[in-house]
Amino acid sequence: MSGVIIGFGVIASIVVIGYMLGRLPILGPGAKEVLSKLAFFVAGPALMFTILADTDLSLLASGPVLVSALSVALVAVLFIAVGAVRRWGVGLTTVGTLSAVYVNAGNLGIPIAAYVLDDASLVAPILLMQLLFLAPVALTVMDLSRGEVRGFGPVLRRALGTPFRNPVVIASLAGVLLSLSGWEPPEPLLEPFELLGGMAVPAMLLAFGISLHGGGLPGRGPDRAKVLFGVVLKSVVLPLTAWALGALAFGLTGPSLFAVVVLASLPTAQNVFTYSVQYEVGENMVREVVLLSTFLTVPVLIAVAFLLG
């Protein structure tokens, strides 16, 4: 479990620094928004481009990845259904769905995969699934939900064009095309993207830490029901669904089943908070789901290791 402790320690340190920046007006009143925009428009796309450009896309065809994808789809449908019944709105339901299924596969998933599962490459398919499918679809839905376009033709044209106006989606597609081409650009050409991408996670964590200042204890605000629902789905239902599908439907056993459940147990990624700030929807809800699911990850992983390890 040393990987879990190391990963959480790194995250906690940067979040605490962000919280202190929120208390001390060193960066000014708009620091959270500036850092979020930096991550969304510059650093995040650069990171996604470098990750996807250097990844073997054939990893998406494996059985465990299919189990993970189906688990995410089932839990996402559950949140969407409840959001529709309760009339939470398209934007809030979308970011809420992301908070329930979009796992921290980067800065937590990599060390956990390396130290708990003994193979850091196991997290790559989850990153690919989220970057290539989950994030683009969700961001496109949120882009469309903000428009005033009416009529089938205009809506269709906007739906087809929206992904190509989003920096996250554009960078992801560019990385995929580069990976498929088989061409390896010279290092001096990629180095600027790697440097910019290195800012993404720290910027997200600092913005998240700044948002905690003055936010009150999680799970006690007006979004309490949504927060608790998202946390239960993320920390309990998603791992259980991954186990049920893997063991009962796909016949996974041993290390393969253990890896699928461990990766499903990861907390909500800070990317979702960045998206909520950018689209100005569900910010408090997402922040609290990220915080609570992160706190719950250690006991959940200990339980998974005890039962399946």
C-alpha atoms as a PDB file:
ATOM      1  CA  MET A   1       0.000   0.000   0.000  1.00  0.00           C
ATOM      2  CA  SER A   2       3.014   2.296  -0.129  1.00  0.00           C
ATOM      3  CA  GLY A   3       1.943   3.520  -3.572  1.00  0.00           C
ATOM      4  CA  VAL A   4      -1.393   4.633  -2.188  1.00  0.00           C
ATOM      5  CA  ILE A   5       0.287   6.536   0.648  1.00  0.00           C
ATOM      6  CA  ILE A   6       2.810   8.180  -1.685  1.00  0.00           C
ATOM      7  CA  GLY A   7       0.140   9.166  -4.204  1.00  0.00           C
ATOM      8  CA  PHE A   8      -2.152  10.633  -1.567  1.00  0.00           C
ATOM      9  CA  GLY A   9       0.734  12.415   0.117  1.00  0.00           C
ATOM     10  CA  VAL A  10       1.712  14.197  -3.100  1.00  0.00           C
ATOM     11  CA  ILE A  11      -1.876  15.224  -3.823  1.00  0.00           C
ATOM     12  CA  ALA A  12      -2.547  16.363  -0.264  1.00  0.00           C
ATOM     13  CA  SER A  13       0.606  18.508  -0.193  1.00  0.00           C
ATOM     14  CA  ILE A  14      -0.318  20.456  -3.312  1.00  0.00           C
ATOM     15  CA  VAL A  15      -3.960  20.827  -2.254  1.00  0.00           C
ATOM     16  CA  VAL A  16      -2.821  22.222   1.123  1.00  0.00           C
ATOM     17  CA  ILE A  17      -0.607  24.733  -0.687  1.00  0.00           C
ATOM     18  CA  GLY A  18      -3.618  25.725  -2.783  1.00  0.00           C
ATOM     19  CA  TYR A  19      -5.706  26.140   0.360  1.00  0.00           C
ATOM     20  CA  MET A  20      -3.060  28.420   1.856  1.00  0.00           C
ATOM     21  CA  LEU A  21      -3.023  30.456  -1.353  1.00  0.00           C
ATOM     22  CA  GLY A  22      -6.777  30.833  -0.896  1.00  0.00           C
ATOM     23  CA  ARG A  23      -6.286  32.158   2.628  1.00  0.00           C
ATOM     24  CA  LEU A  24      -3.463  34.473   1.622  1.00  0.00           C
ATOM     25  CA  PRO A  25      -4.507  36.649  -1.346  1.00  0.00           C
ATOM     26  CA  ILE A  26      -1.119  36.286  -3.027  1.00  0.00           C
ATOM     27  CA  LEU A  27      -2.532  35.379  -6.440  1.00  0.00           C
ATOM     28  CA  GLY A  28      -5.550  37.681  -6.266  1.00  0.00           C
ATOM     29  CA  PRO A  29      -9.294  36.959  -6.132  1.00  0.00           C
ATOM     30  CA  GLY A  30      -9.403  35.296  -9.560  1.00  0.00           C
ATOM     31  CA  ALA A  31      -6.655  32.745  -8.925  1.00  0.00           C
ATOM     32  CA  LYS A  32      -8.948  29.720  -9.000  1.00  0.00           C
ATOM     33  CA  GLU A  33     -10.485  30.713 -12.328  1.00  0.00           C
ATOM     34  CA  VAL A  34      -7.108  31.555 -13.875  1.00  0.00           C
ATOM     35  CA  LEU A  35      -5.560  28.235 -12.811  1.00  0.00           C
ATOM     36  CA  SER A  36      -8.627  26.326 -14.006  1.00  0.00           C
ATOM     37  CA  LYS A  37      -8.532  28.064 -17.387  1.00  0.00           C
ATOM     38  CA  LEU A  38      -4.789  27.404 -17.639  1.00  0.00           C
ATOM     39  CA  ALA A  39      -5.430  23.705 -17.035  1.00  0.00           C
ATOM     40  CA  PHE A  40      -8.438  23.549 -19.370  1.00  0.00           C
ATOM     41  CA  PHE A  41      -7.146  25.538 -22.334  1.00  0.00           C
ATOM     42  CA  VAL A  42      -3.362  25.013 -22.251  1.00  0.00           C
ATOM     43  CA  ALA A  43      -1.792  22.542 -19.827  1.00  0.00           C
ATOM     44  CA  GLY A  44      -4.533  19.887 -19.862  1.00  0.00           C
ATOM     45  CA  PRO A  45      -4.685  19.605 -23.662  1.00  0.00           C
ATOM     46  CA  ALA A  46      -0.880  19.459 -23.839  1.00  0.00           C
ATOM     47  CA  LEU A  47      -0.852  16.635 -21.267  1.00  0.00           C
ATOM     48  CA  MET A  48      -3.542  14.672 -23.097  1.00  0.00           C
ATOM     49  CA  PHE A  49      -1.739  15.089 -26.401  1.00  0.00           C
ATOM     50  CA  THR A  50       1.565  13.743 -25.053  1.00  0.00           C
ATOM     51  CA  ILE A  51      -0.114  10.829 -23.223  1.00  0.00           C
ATOM     52  CA  LEU A  52      -2.153   9.662 -26.215  1.00  0.00           C
ATOM     53  CA  ALA A  53       0.622  10.232 -28.741  1.00  0.00           C
ATOM     54  CA  ASP A  54       2.854   7.815 -26.795  1.00  0.00           C
ATOM     55  CA  THR A  55       0.252   5.112 -26.035  1.00  0.00           C
ATOM     56  CA  ASP A  56      -0.522   1.870 -27.840  1.00  0.00           C
ATOM     57  CA  LEU A  57      -4.218   2.190 -28.728  1.00  0.00           C
ATOM     58  CA  SER A  58      -4.585  -1.593 -29.078  1.00  0.00           C
ATOM     59  CA  LEU A  59      -4.804  -1.684 -25.269  1.00  0.00           C
ATOM     60  CA  LEU A  60      -8.444  -0.636 -25.640  1.00  0.00           C
ATOM     61  CA  ALA A  61      -9.343  -4.047 -27.059  1.00  0.00           C
ATOM     62  CA  SER A  62      -8.641  -6.065 -23.887  1.00  0.00           C
ATOM     63  CA  GLY A  63     -11.285  -7.800 -21.749  1.00  0.00           C
ATOM     64  CA  PRO A  64     -10.594  -5.878 -18.528  1.00  0.00           C
ATOM     65  CA  VAL A  65     -11.005  -2.592 -20.392  1.00  0.00           C
ATOM     66  CA  LEU A  66     -14.397  -3.744 -21.656  1.00  0.00           C
ATOM     67  CA  VAL A  67     -15.392  -4.557 -18.064  1.00  0.00           C
ATOM     68  CA  SER A  68     -14.284  -1.090 -16.951  1.00  0.00           C
ATOM     69  CA  ALA A  69     -16.161   0.567 -19.814  1.00  0.00           C
ATOM     70  CA  LEU A  70     -19.382  -1.311 -19.121  1.00  0.00           C
ATOM     71  CA  SER A  71     -19.121  -0.547 -15.393  1.00  0.00           C
ATOM     72  CA  VAL A  72     -18.754   3.147 -16.135  1.00  0.00           C
ATOM     73  CA  ALA A  73     -21.677   3.033 -18.575  1.00  0.00           C
ATOM     74  CA  LEU A  74     -24.022   1.353 -16.073  1.00  0.00           C
ATOM     75  CA  VAL A  75     -23.192   3.749 -13.243  1.00  0.00           C
ATOM     76  CA  ALA A  76     -23.409   6.733 -15.595  1.00  0.00           C
ATOM     77  CA  VAL A  77     -26.878   5.649 -16.752  1.00  0.00           C
ATOM     78  CA  LEU A  78     -27.969   5.372 -13.121  1.00  0.00           C
ATOM     79  CA  PHE A  79     -26.855   8.928 -12.307  1.00  0.00           C
ATOM     80  CA  ILE A  80     -28.387  10.297 -15.528  1.00  0.00           C
ATOM     81  CA  ALA A  81     -31.699   8.562 -14.775  1.00  0.00           C
ATOM     82  CA  VAL A  82     -31.867  10.017 -11.267  1.00  0.00           C
ATOM     83  CA  GLY A  83     -30.848  13.434 -12.579  1.00  0.00           C
ATOM     84  CA  ALA A  84     -33.618  13.316 -15.174  1.00  0.00           C
ATOM     85  CA  VAL A  85     -36.253  12.281 -12.617  1.00  0.00           C
ATOM     86  CA  ARG A  86     -35.138  14.961 -10.145  1.00  0.00           C
ATOM     87  CA  ARG A  87     -34.786  17.563 -12.931  1.00  0.00           C
ATOM     88  CA  TRP A  88     -31.246  18.581 -12.059  1.00  0.00           C
ATOM     89  CA  GLY A  89     -30.632  19.961 -15.539  1.00  0.00           C
ATOM     90  CA  VAL A  90     -28.329  18.808 -18.327  1.00  0.00           C
ATOM     91  CA  GLY A  91     -25.180  20.600 -17.148  1.00  0.00           C
ATOM     92  CA  LEU A  92     -25.446  19.578 -13.496  1.00  0.00           C
ATOM     93  CA  THR A  93     -26.375  16.011 -14.389  1.00  0.00           C
ATOM     94  CA  THR A  94     -23.421  15.783 -16.776  1.00  0.00           C
ATOM     95  CA  VAL A  95     -20.763  16.966 -14.319  1.00  0.00           C
ATOM     96  CA  GLY A  96     -22.426  14.871 -11.610  1.00  0.00           C
ATOM     97  CA  THR A  97     -22.159  11.811 -13.837  1.00  0.00           C
ATOM     98  CA  LEU A  98     -18.496  12.559 -14.469  1.00  0.00           C
ATOM     99  CA  SER A  99     -17.894  12.904 -10.721  1.00  0.00           C
ATOM    100  CA  ALA A 100     -19.380   9.435 -10.213  1.00  0.00           C
ATOM    101  CA  VAL A 101     -17.375   7.611 -12.920  1.00  0.00           C
ATOM    102  CA  TYR A 102     -14.300   9.643 -13.962  1.00  0.00           C
ATOM    103  CA  VAL A 103     -11.459   8.204 -11.887  1.00  0.00           C
ATOM    104  CA  ASN A 104      -8.132   9.784 -10.943  1.00  0.00           C
ATOM    105  CA  ALA A 105      -6.144   7.564 -13.278  1.00  0.00           C
ATOM    106  CA  GLY A 106      -3.230   9.984 -13.638  1.00  0.00           C
ATOM    107  CA  ASN A 107      -1.561  11.275 -10.505  1.00  0.00           C
ATOM    108  CA  LEU A 108      -3.113   8.594  -8.250  1.00  0.00           C
ATOM    109  CA  GLY A 109      -3.749   5.767 -10.701  1.00  0.00           C
ATOM    110  CA  ILE A 110      -0.152   5.511 -11.900  1.00  0.00           C
ATOM    111  CA  PRO A 111       1.504   5.087  -8.459  1.00  0.00           C
ATOM    112  CA  ILE A 112      -1.271   2.768  -7.278  1.00  0.00           C
ATOM    113  CA  ALA A 113      -0.953   0.638 -10.415  1.00  0.00           C
ATOM    114  CA  ALA A 114       2.821   0.545  -9.968  1.00  0.00           C
ATOM    115  CA  TYR A 115       2.968  -0.232  -6.251  1.00  0.00           C
ATOM    116  CA  VAL A 116      -0.299  -2.119  -5.624  1.00  0.00           C
ATOM    117  CA  LEU A 117      -0.723  -3.919  -8.951  1.00  0.00           C
ATOM    118  CA  ASP A 118       2.996  -4.109  -9.842  1.00  0.00           C
ATOM    119  CA  ASP A 119       2.325  -2.819 -13.358  1.00  0.00           C
ATOM    120  CA  ALA A 120       1.938   0.896 -14.092  1.00  0.00           C
ATOM    121  CA  SER A 121       0.831   0.164 -17.668  1.00  0.00           C
ATOM    122  CA  LEU A 122      -2.485  -1.221 -16.388  1.00  0.00           C
ATOM    123  CA  VAL A 123      -3.769   2.312 -15.885  1.00  0.00           C
ATOM    124  CA  ALA A 124      -3.131   3.327 -19.509  1.00  0.00           C
ATOM    125  CA  PRO A 125      -6.375   1.837 -20.925  1.00  0.00           C
ATOM    126  CA  ILE A 126      -8.422   3.685 -18.286  1.00  0.00           C
ATOM    127  CA  LEU A 127      -6.715   6.937 -19.226  1.00  0.00           C
ATOM    128  CA  LEU A 128      -7.397   6.229 -22.895  1.00  0.00           C
ATOM    129  CA  MET A 129     -11.074   5.425 -22.304  1.00  0.00           C
ATOM    130  CA  GLN A 130     -11.586   8.617 -20.328  1.00  0.00           C
ATOM    131  CA  LEU A 131      -9.619  10.860 -22.680  1.00  0.00           C
ATOM    132  CA  LEU A 132     -10.971   9.437 -25.937  1.00  0.00           C
ATOM    133  CA  PHE A 133     -14.618   8.816 -25.049  1.00  0.00           C
ATOM    134  CA  LEU A 134     -15.835   9.955 -21.656  1.00  0.00           C
ATOM    135  CA  ALA A 135     -14.426  13.504 -21.550  1.00  0.00           C
ATOM    136  CA  PRO A 136     -15.194  14.416 -25.197  1.00  0.00           C
ATOM    137  CA  VAL A 137     -18.788  13.192 -24.959  1.00  0.00           C
ATOM    138  CA  ALA A 138     -19.432  14.960 -21.645  1.00  0.00           C
ATOM    139  CA  LEU A 139     -17.813  18.215 -22.775  1.00  0.00           C
ATOM    140  CA  THR A 140     -19.784  18.157 -26.025  1.00  0.00           C
ATOM    141  CA  VAL A 141     -23.031  17.684 -24.094  1.00  0.00           C
ATOM    142  CA  MET A 142     -22.189  20.601 -21.802  1.00  0.00           C
ATOM    143  CA  ASP A 143     -21.231  22.782 -24.762  1.00  0.00           C
ATOM    144  CA  LEU A 144     -24.539  22.018 -26.470  1.00  0.00           C
ATOM    145  CA  SER A 145     -26.531  22.588 -23.277  1.00  0.00           C
ATOM    146  CA  ARG A 146     -25.279  26.182 -23.138  1.00  0.00           C
ATOM    147  CA  GLY A 147     -26.396  27.078 -26.665  1.00  0.00           C
ATOM    148  CA  GLU A 148     -29.583  28.699 -27.862  1.00  0.00           C
ATOM    149  CA  VAL A 149     -29.592  26.863 -31.187  1.00  0.00           C
ATOM    150  CA  ARG A 150     -32.973  25.536 -32.260  1.00  0.00           C
ATOM    151  CA  GLY A 151     -34.074  23.300 -35.124  1.00  0.00           C
ATOM    152  CA  PHE A 152     -32.799  19.885 -36.174  1.00  0.00           C
ATOM    153  CA  GLY A 153     -30.308  21.143 -38.777  1.00  0.00           C
ATOM    154  CA  PRO A 154     -28.594  23.795 -36.642  1.00  0.00           C
ATOM    155  CA  VAL A 155     -28.514  21.480 -33.621  1.00  0.00           C
ATOM    156  CA  LEU A 156     -26.975  18.671 -35.705  1.00  0.00           C
ATOM    157  CA  ARG A 157     -24.340  20.991 -37.165  1.00  0.00           C
ATOM    158  CA  ARG A 158     -23.516  22.310 -33.695  1.00  0.00           C
ATOM    159  CA  ALA A 159     -23.337  18.778 -32.261  1.00  0.00           C
ATOM    160  CA  LEU A 160     -20.944  17.666 -35.011  1.00  0.00           C
ATOM    161  CA  GLY A 161     -18.813  20.792 -34.761  1.00  0.00           C
ATOM    162  CA  THR A 162     -18.666  21.255 -30.987  1.00  0.00           C
ATOM    163  CA  PRO A 163     -15.995  18.584 -30.294  1.00  0.00           C
ATOM    164  CA  PHE A 164     -13.641  20.328 -32.728  1.00  0.00           C
ATOM    165  CA  ARG A 165     -13.942  23.623 -30.863  1.00  0.00           C
ATOM    166  CA  ASN A 166     -12.998  22.134 -27.494  1.00  0.00           C
ATOM    167  CA  PRO A 167      -9.246  22.232 -26.678  1.00  0.00           C
ATOM    168  CA  VAL A 168      -9.365  18.992 -24.664  1.00  0.00           C
ATOM    169  CA  VAL A 169     -11.005  17.077 -27.504  1.00  0.00           C
ATOM    170  CA  ILE A 170      -8.801  18.634 -30.189  1.00  0.00           C
ATOM    171  CA  ALA A 171      -5.626  17.712 -28.303  1.00  0.00           C
ATOM    172  CA  SER A 172      -6.885  14.169 -27.667  1.00  0.00           C
ATOM    173  CA  LEU A 173      -7.714  13.624 -31.332  1.00  0.00           C
ATOM    174  CA  ALA A 174      -4.326  15.002 -32.358  1.00  0.00           C
ATOM    175  CA  GLY A 175      -2.591  12.599 -29.979  1.00  0.00           C
ATOM    176  CA  VAL A 176      -4.598   9.656 -31.330  1.00  0.00           C
ATOM    177  CA  LEU A 177      -3.752  10.551 -34.929  1.00  0.00           C
ATOM    178  CA  LEU A 178      -0.068  10.831 -34.079  1.00  0.00           C
ATOM    179  CA  SER A 179      -0.154   7.447 -32.331  1.00  0.00           C
ATOM    180  CA  LEU A 180      -1.914   5.821 -35.286  1.00  0.00           C
ATOM    181  CA  SER A 181       0.554   7.310 -37.749  1.00  0.00           C
ATOM    182  CA  GLY A 182       3.471   5.511 -36.105  1.00  0.00           C
ATOM    183  CA  TRP A 183       5.657   8.604 -36.538  1.00  0.00           C
ATOM    184  CA  GLU A 184       7.852   9.558 -33.608  1.00  0.00           C
ATOM    185  CA  PRO A 185       8.464  13.317 -33.635  1.00  0.00           C
ATOM    186  CA  PRO A 186      11.917  14.487 -32.580  1.00  0.00           C
ATOM    187  CA  GLU A 187      12.241  15.253 -28.887  1.00  0.00           C
ATOM    188  CA  PRO A 188      12.732  19.031 -29.357  1.00  0.00           C
ATOM    189  CA  LEU A 189       9.327  19.133 -31.068  1.00  0.00           C
ATOM    190  CA  LEU A 190       7.539  17.331 -28.237  1.00  0.00           C
ATOM    191  CA  GLU A 191       9.369  18.961 -25.343  1.00  0.00           C
ATOM    192  CA  PRO A 192       7.239  22.159 -25.284  1.00  0.00           C
ATOM    193  CA  PHE A 193       4.081  20.038 -25.015  1.00  0.00           C
ATOM    194  CA  GLU A 194       5.633  17.974 -22.235  1.00  0.00           C
ATOM    195  CA  LEU A 195       6.620  21.100 -20.312  1.00  0.00           C
ATOM    196  CA  LEU A 196       3.146  22.602 -20.671  1.00  0.00           C
ATOM    197  CA  GLY A 197       1.496  19.287 -19.799  1.00  0.00           C
ATOM    198  CA  GLY A 198       3.566  19.123 -16.627  1.00  0.00           C
ATOM    199  CA  MET A 199       1.608  22.129 -15.341  1.00  0.00           C
ATOM    200  CA  ALA A 200      -1.794  20.454 -15.713  1.00  0.00           C
ATOM    201  CA  VAL A 201      -2.043  18.369 -12.551  1.00  0.00           C
ATOM    202  CA  PRO A 202      -0.438  20.977 -10.234  1.00  0.00           C
ATOM    203  CA  ALA A 203      -2.717  23.701 -11.645  1.00  0.00           C
ATOM    204  CA  MET A 204      -5.798  21.521 -11.105  1.00  0.00           C
ATOM    205  CA  LEU A 205      -4.771  20.623  -7.556  1.00  0.00           C
ATOM    206  CA  LEU A 206      -3.930  24.217  -6.642  1.00  0.00           C
ATOM    207  CA  ALA A 207      -7.270  25.456  -7.997  1.00  0.00           C
ATOM    208  CA  PHE A 208      -9.018  22.714  -6.055  1.00  0.00           C
ATOM    209  CA  GLY A 209      -7.169  23.680  -2.863  1.00  0.00           C
ATOM    210  CA  ILE A 210      -8.043  27.349  -3.319  1.00  0.00           C
ATOM    211  CA  SER A 211     -11.718  26.413  -3.708  1.00  0.00           C
ATOM    212  CA  LEU A 212     -11.689  24.675  -0.308  1.00  0.00           C
ATOM    213  CA  HIS A 213     -11.084  27.967   1.510  1.00  0.00           C
ATOM    214  CA  GLY A 214     -14.394  29.176   2.917  1.00  0.00           C
ATOM    215  CA  GLY A 215     -16.254  26.218   1.431  1.00  0.00           C
ATOM    216  CA  GLY A 216     -17.376  24.621   4.714  1.00  0.00           C
ATOM    217  CA  LEU A 217     -17.439  20.933   5.583  1.00  0.00           C
ATOM    218  CA  PRO A 218     -18.330  18.611   2.691  1.00  0.00           C
ATOM    219  CA  GLY A 219     -21.741  16.977   2.539  1.00  0.00           C
ATOM    220  CA  ARG A 220     -23.546  19.661   4.558  1.00  0.00           C
ATOM    221  CA  GLY A 221     -24.530  22.219   1.938  1.00  0.00           C
ATOM    222  CA  PRO A 222     -27.620  22.522  -0.279  1.00  0.00           C
ATOM    223  CA  ASP A 223     -26.175  19.905  -2.653  1.00  0.00           C
ATOM    224  CA  ARG A 224     -25.905  17.316   0.107  1.00  0.00           C
ATOM    225  CA  ALA A 225     -28.145  14.727  -1.572  1.00  0.00           C
ATOM    226  CA  LYS A 226     -26.325  15.010  -4.908  1.00  0.00           C
ATOM    227  CA  VAL A 227     -22.931  14.865  -3.204  1.00  0.00           C
ATOM    228  CA  LEU A 228     -23.744  11.765  -1.163  1.00  0.00           C
ATOM    229  CA  PHE A 229     -25.312  10.083  -4.188  1.00  0.00           C
ATOM    230  CA  GLY A 230     -22.206  10.769  -6.295  1.00  0.00           C
ATOM    231  CA  VAL A 231     -19.849   9.570  -3.553  1.00  0.00           C
ATOM    232  CA  VAL A 232     -21.786   6.329  -3.022  1.00  0.00           C
ATOM    233  CA  LEU A 233     -21.786   5.647  -6.753  1.00  0.00           C
ATOM    234  CA  LYS A 234     -18.067   6.415  -7.112  1.00  0.00           C
ATOM    235  CA  SER A 235     -16.696   4.742  -3.988  1.00  0.00           C
ATOM    236  CA  VAL A 236     -19.064   1.793  -3.587  1.00  0.00           C
ATOM    237  CA  VAL A 237     -21.295   1.100  -6.589  1.00  0.00           C
ATOM    238  CA  LEU A 238     -18.650   1.450  -9.324  1.00  0.00           C
ATOM    239  CA  PRO A 239     -16.161  -0.983  -7.683  1.00  0.00           C
ATOM    240  CA  LEU A 240     -18.987  -3.440  -6.939  1.00  0.00           C
ATOM    241  CA  THR A 241     -20.238  -3.210 -10.512  1.00  0.00           C
ATOM    242  CA  ALA A 242     -16.735  -3.800 -11.856  1.00  0.00           C
ATOM    243  CA  TRP A 243     -16.383  -6.867  -9.627  1.00  0.00           C
ATOM    244  CA  ALA A 244     -19.804  -8.273 -10.604  1.00  0.00           C
ATOM    245  CA  LEU A 245     -19.235  -7.833 -14.331  1.00  0.00           C
ATOM    246  CA  GLY A 246     -15.648  -9.066 -14.197  1.00  0.00           C
ATOM    247  CA  ALA A 247     -16.272 -12.141 -12.053  1.00  0.00           C
ATOM    248  CA  LEU A 248     -19.779 -13.152 -13.087  1.00  0.00           C
ATOM    249  CA  ALA A 249     -20.128 -11.991 -16.692  1.00  0.00           C
ATOM    250  CA  PHE A 250     -16.562 -12.107 -18.056  1.00  0.00           C
ATOM    251  CA  GLY A 251     -15.047 -14.805 -15.867  1.00  0.00           C
ATOM    252  CA  LEU A 252     -12.082 -12.719 -14.721  1.00  0.00           C
ATOM    253  CA  THR A 253     -10.127 -14.100 -11.800  1.00  0.00           C
ATOM    254  CA  GLY A 254      -6.938 -13.447  -9.862  1.00  0.00           C
ATOM    255  CA  PRO A 255      -4.797 -10.429 -10.785  1.00  0.00           C
ATOM    256  CA  SER A 256      -7.018  -9.395 -13.718  1.00  0.00           C
ATOM    257  CA  LEU A 257     -10.138  -9.103 -11.557  1.00  0.00           C
ATOM    258  CA  PHE A 258      -8.186  -7.462  -8.736  1.00  0.00           C
ATOM    259  CA  ALA A 259      -6.767  -4.832 -11.118  1.00  0.00           C
ATOM    260  CA  VAL A 260     -10.187  -3.971 -12.562  1.00  0.00           C
ATOM    261  CA  VAL A 261     -11.729  -3.455  -9.116  1.00  0.00           C
ATOM    262  CA  VAL A 262      -8.746  -1.493  -7.762  1.00  0.00           C
ATOM    263  CA  LEU A 263      -8.833   0.917 -10.712  1.00  0.00           C
ATOM    264  CA  ALA A 264     -12.597   1.358 -10.310  1.00  0.00           C
ATOM    265  CA  SER A 265     -11.984   2.259  -6.653  1.00  0.00           C
ATOM    266  CA  LEU A 266      -9.859   5.291  -7.481  1.00  0.00           C
ATOM    267  CA  PRO A 267     -11.367   8.636  -6.402  1.00  0.00           C
ATOM    268  CA  THR A 268     -12.929  11.228  -8.684  1.00  0.00           C
ATOM    269  CA  ALA A 269     -10.332  13.060 -10.783  1.00  0.00           C
ATOM    270  CA  GLN A 270      -9.640  16.764 -10.346  1.00  0.00           C
ATOM    271  CA  ASN A 271     -10.285  17.144 -14.090  1.00  0.00           C
ATOM    272  CA  VAL A 272     -14.002  17.059 -13.325  1.00  0.00           C
ATOM    273  CA  PHE A 273     -13.665  20.014 -10.954  1.00  0.00           C
ATOM    274  CA  THR A 274     -11.792  21.911 -13.681  1.00  0.00           C
ATOM    275  CA  TYR A 275     -14.650  21.229 -16.100  1.00  0.00           C
ATOM    276  CA  SER A 276     -17.262  22.361 -13.553  1.00  0.00           C
ATOM    277  CA  VAL A 277     -15.414  25.651 -13.027  1.00  0.00           C
ATOM    278  CA  GLN A 278     -15.000  26.191 -16.758  1.00  0.00           C
ATOM    279  CA  TYR A 279     -18.703  25.594 -17.459  1.00  0.00           C
ATOM    280  CA  GLU A 280     -19.836  27.280 -14.209  1.00  0.00           C
ATOM    281  CA  VAL A 281     -22.023  24.382 -13.141  1.00  0.00           C
ATOM    282  CA  GLY A 282     -22.004  22.109 -10.072  1.00  0.00           C
ATOM    283  CA  GLU A 283     -18.721  23.468  -8.732  1.00  0.00           C
ATOM    284  CA  ASN A 284     -19.516  22.923  -5.038  1.00  0.00           C
ATOM    285  CA  MET A 285     -21.006  19.500  -5.664  1.00  0.00           C
ATOM    286  CA  VAL A 286     -18.016  18.265  -7.673  1.00  0.00           C
ATOM    287  CA  ARG A 287     -15.496  19.690  -5.202  1.00  0.00           C
ATOM    288  CA  GLU A 288     -17.132  17.805  -2.336  1.00  0.00           C
ATOM    289  CA  VAL A 289     -17.419  14.554  -4.300  1.00  0.00           C
ATOM    290  CA  VAL A 290     -13.705  14.772  -5.182  1.00  0.00           C
ATOM    291  CA  LEU A 291     -12.787  15.442  -1.555  1.00  0.00           C
ATOM    292  CA  LEU A 292     -14.957  12.729   0.018  1.00  0.00           C
ATOM    293  CA  SER A 293     -14.160  10.065  -2.586  1.00  0.00           C
ATOM    294  CA  THR A 294     -10.456  10.780  -2.072  1.00  0.00           C
ATOM    295  CA  PHE A 295     -10.782  10.313   1.691  1.00  0.00           C
ATOM    296  CA  LEU A 296     -12.680   7.052   1.164  1.00  0.00           C
ATOM    297  CA  THR A 297     -10.243   5.552  -1.313  1.00  0.00           C
ATOM    298  CA  VAL A 298      -7.806   4.182   1.269  1.00  0.00           C
ATOM    299  CA  PRO A 299     -10.398   2.181   3.271  1.00  0.00           C
ATOM    300  CA  VAL A 300     -12.027   1.019   0.032  1.00  0.00           C
ATOM    301  CA  LEU A 301      -8.695  -0.183  -1.378  1.00  0.00           C
ATOM    302  CA  ILE A 302      -7.872  -1.933   1.902  1.00  0.00           C
ATOM    303  CA  ALA A 303     -11.225  -3.733   1.728  1.00  0.00           C
ATOM    304  CA  VAL A 304     -10.635  -4.713  -1.918  1.00  0.00           C
ATOM    305  CA  ALA A 305      -7.147  -6.006  -1.113  1.00  0.00           C
ATOM    306  CA  PHE A 306      -8.520  -8.010   1.832  1.00  0.00           C
ATOM    307  CA  LEU A 307     -11.306  -9.588  -0.230  1.00  0.00           C
ATOM    308  CA  LEU A 308      -9.553 -10.112  -3.578  1.00  0.00           C
ATOM    309  CA  GLY A 309      -5.822  -9.635  -3.060  1.00  0.00           C
END
